[in-house]
Amino acid sequence: MSDRELQVLRLFDSELTGPEIARELFVSYNTLRTHTKHIFTKLDVTSRRAAVLRARERGLL
């Protein structure tokens, strides 16, 4: 997982919306969506909550 994907993953564990996460990271919303797709694929999940739980299981968070 890339450093940027890990940053996104950490922010998934907050109350921030997608657009708010994009602003926090100074990227476009479309870029955030690309990172999200990569994270979901790498963790084999389909939601932000599931991604956070799987990341915790694997010691990424």
N, C-alpha and C. Protein backbone atom coordinates (compact mmCIF):
# COMPACT_ATOMS: atom_id res chain seq x y z
N MET A 1 0.85 -1.17 0.00
CA MET A 1 0.00 0.00 0.00
C MET A 1 0.91 1.25 0.00
N SER A 2 0.57 2.20 -0.84
CA SER A 2 1.39 3.40 -0.94
C SER A 2 1.19 4.30 0.28
N ASP A 3 2.12 5.22 0.47
CA ASP A 3 2.00 6.16 1.59
C ASP A 3 0.70 6.97 1.49
N ARG A 4 0.37 7.40 0.29
CA ARG A 4 -0.84 8.21 0.10
C ARG A 4 -2.09 7.38 0.40
N GLU A 5 -2.09 6.13 -0.02
CA GLU A 5 -3.23 5.25 0.26
C GLU A 5 -3.39 5.04 1.76
N LEU A 6 -2.28 4.93 2.48
CA LEU A 6 -2.35 4.80 3.94
C LEU A 6 -2.90 6.08 4.57
N GLN A 7 -2.54 7.24 4.03
CA GLN A 7 -3.09 8.49 4.55
C GLN A 7 -4.60 8.52 4.34
N VAL A 8 -5.04 8.12 3.18
CA VAL A 8 -6.48 8.08 2.89
C VAL A 8 -7.16 7.11 3.84
N LEU A 9 -6.57 5.95 4.02
CA LEU A 9 -7.14 4.93 4.90
C LEU A 9 -7.30 5.45 6.32
N ARG A 10 -6.30 6.17 6.81
CA ARG A 10 -6.39 6.75 8.16
C ARG A 10 -7.55 7.74 8.25
N LEU A 11 -7.75 8.51 7.20
CA LEU A 11 -8.84 9.48 7.20
C LEU A 11 -10.20 8.82 7.03
N PHE A 12 -10.25 7.62 6.47
CA PHE A 12 -11.50 6.87 6.41
C PHE A 12 -12.03 6.60 7.81
N ASP A 13 -11.13 6.50 8.77
CA ASP A 13 -11.49 6.20 10.15
C ASP A 13 -11.98 7.44 10.89
N SER A 14 -12.19 8.53 10.19
CA SER A 14 -12.69 9.77 10.79
C SER A 14 -14.13 10.00 10.33
N GLU A 15 -14.69 11.08 10.75
CA GLU A 15 -16.06 11.43 10.36
C GLU A 15 -16.09 12.26 9.07
N LEU A 16 -14.94 12.44 8.43
CA LEU A 16 -14.87 13.27 7.23
C LEU A 16 -15.56 12.60 6.04
N THR A 17 -16.18 13.41 5.21
CA THR A 17 -16.76 12.92 3.97
C THR A 17 -15.66 12.80 2.91
N GLY A 18 -15.99 12.19 1.78
CA GLY A 18 -15.02 12.07 0.69
C GLY A 18 -14.47 13.42 0.25
N PRO A 19 -15.34 14.39 -0.06
CA PRO A 19 -14.83 15.71 -0.46
C PRO A 19 -13.97 16.38 0.62
N GLU A 20 -14.32 16.17 1.87
CA GLU A 20 -13.53 16.75 2.97
C GLU A 20 -12.15 16.08 3.05
N ILE A 21 -12.10 14.78 2.83
CA ILE A 21 -10.81 14.07 2.82
C ILE A 21 -9.96 14.59 1.67
N ALA A 22 -10.57 14.76 0.50
CA ALA A 22 -9.83 15.28 -0.65
C ALA A 22 -9.23 16.65 -0.34
N ARG A 23 -10.02 17.53 0.26
CA ARG A 23 -9.50 18.86 0.62
C ARG A 23 -8.37 18.76 1.64
N GLU A 24 -8.54 17.89 2.61
CA GLU A 24 -7.52 17.70 3.65
C GLU A 24 -6.18 17.28 3.03
N LEU A 25 -6.24 16.46 1.99
CA LEU A 25 -5.03 15.94 1.34
C LEU A 25 -4.59 16.78 0.13
N PHE A 26 -5.34 17.84 -0.16
CA PHE A 26 -5.02 18.73 -1.28
C PHE A 26 -4.99 17.98 -2.61
N VAL A 27 -6.00 17.11 -2.81
CA VAL A 27 -6.16 16.40 -4.07
C VAL A 27 -7.59 16.59 -4.56
N SER A 28 -7.83 16.30 -5.81
CA SER A 28 -9.19 16.39 -6.33
C SER A 28 -10.01 15.21 -5.80
N TYR A 29 -11.32 15.37 -5.86
CA TYR A 29 -12.20 14.29 -5.43
C TYR A 29 -12.00 13.06 -6.32
N ASN A 30 -11.76 13.27 -7.61
CA ASN A 30 -11.52 12.13 -8.51
C ASN A 30 -10.26 11.37 -8.14
N THR A 31 -9.23 12.09 -7.72
CA THR A 31 -8.00 11.43 -7.28
C THR A 31 -8.27 10.61 -6.02
N LEU A 32 -9.05 11.16 -5.12
CA LEU A 32 -9.42 10.42 -3.91
C LEU A 32 -10.18 9.15 -4.27
N ARG A 33 -11.07 9.24 -5.24
CA ARG A 33 -11.83 8.06 -5.67
C ARG A 33 -10.89 6.99 -6.24
N THR A 34 -9.87 7.40 -6.95
CA THR A 34 -8.89 6.45 -7.49
C THR A 34 -8.14 5.77 -6.35
N HIS A 35 -7.70 6.54 -5.37
CA HIS A 35 -7.02 5.95 -4.21
C HIS A 35 -7.97 4.97 -3.50
N THR A 36 -9.23 5.36 -3.37
CA THR A 36 -10.21 4.52 -2.69
C THR A 36 -10.38 3.19 -3.42
N LYS A 37 -10.48 3.24 -4.73
CA LYS A 37 -10.61 2.00 -5.51
C LYS A 37 -9.41 1.09 -5.30
N HIS A 38 -8.21 1.67 -5.30
CA HIS A 38 -7.00 0.88 -5.09
C HIS A 38 -7.00 0.25 -3.69
N ILE A 39 -7.38 1.03 -2.69
CA ILE A 39 -7.44 0.51 -1.32
C ILE A 39 -8.43 -0.64 -1.24
N PHE A 40 -9.62 -0.45 -1.79
CA PHE A 40 -10.64 -1.49 -1.74
C PHE A 40 -10.15 -2.76 -2.43
N THR A 41 -9.50 -2.61 -3.57
CA THR A 41 -8.97 -3.78 -4.28
C THR A 41 -7.90 -4.49 -3.47
N LYS A 42 -6.97 -3.73 -2.93
CA LYS A 42 -5.87 -4.34 -2.18
C LYS A 42 -6.34 -5.02 -0.91
N LEU A 43 -7.40 -4.48 -0.28
CA LEU A 43 -7.91 -5.07 0.96
C LEU A 43 -9.09 -6.01 0.72
N ASP A 44 -9.52 -6.11 -0.53
CA ASP A 44 -10.64 -6.98 -0.91
C ASP A 44 -11.90 -6.65 -0.11
N VAL A 45 -12.28 -5.36 -0.13
CA VAL A 45 -13.46 -4.88 0.57
C VAL A 45 -14.29 -4.00 -0.37
N THR A 46 -15.48 -3.60 0.09
CA THR A 46 -16.34 -2.77 -0.75
C THR A 46 -16.86 -1.52 -0.04
N SER A 47 -16.36 -1.25 1.18
CA SER A 47 -16.81 -0.06 1.90
C SER A 47 -15.67 0.51 2.73
N ARG A 48 -15.82 1.78 3.08
CA ARG A 48 -14.81 2.44 3.91
C ARG A 48 -14.69 1.76 5.27
N ARG A 49 -15.83 1.44 5.87
CA ARG A 49 -15.82 0.78 7.18
C ARG A 49 -15.09 -0.56 7.12
N ALA A 50 -15.39 -1.34 6.09
CA ALA A 50 -14.74 -2.65 5.92
C ALA A 50 -13.24 -2.47 5.69
N ALA A 51 -12.87 -1.43 4.96
CA ALA A 51 -11.45 -1.17 4.71
C ALA A 51 -10.72 -0.87 6.02
N VAL A 52 -11.33 -0.06 6.87
CA VAL A 52 -10.71 0.27 8.15
C VAL A 52 -10.57 -0.98 9.01
N LEU A 53 -11.63 -1.80 9.06
CA LEU A 53 -11.57 -3.02 9.87
C LEU A 53 -10.50 -3.98 9.35
N ARG A 54 -10.43 -4.17 8.03
CA ARG A 54 -9.43 -5.07 7.44
C ARG A 54 -8.03 -4.52 7.67
N ALA A 55 -7.86 -3.21 7.56
CA ALA A 55 -6.55 -2.60 7.78
C ALA A 55 -6.10 -2.81 9.22
N ARG A 56 -7.03 -2.73 10.15
CA ARG A 56 -6.69 -2.97 11.56
C ARG A 56 -6.28 -4.42 11.75
N GLU A 57 -7.02 -5.35 11.14
CA GLU A 57 -6.68 -6.77 11.23
C GLU A 57 -5.27 -7.04 10.74
N ARG A 58 -4.87 -6.32 9.69
CA ARG A 58 -3.56 -6.53 9.08
C ARG A 58 -2.48 -5.64 9.69
N GLY A 59 -2.82 -4.87 10.70
CA GLY A 59 -1.83 -4.04 11.38
C GLY A 59 -1.42 -2.80 10.60
N LEU A 60 -2.25 -2.38 9.66
CA LEU A 60 -1.93 -1.18 8.88
C LEU A 60 -2.36 0.10 9.58
N LEU A 61 -3.30 -0.03 10.50
CA LEU A 61 -3.76 1.12 11.29
C LEU A 61 -3.53 0.87 12.76
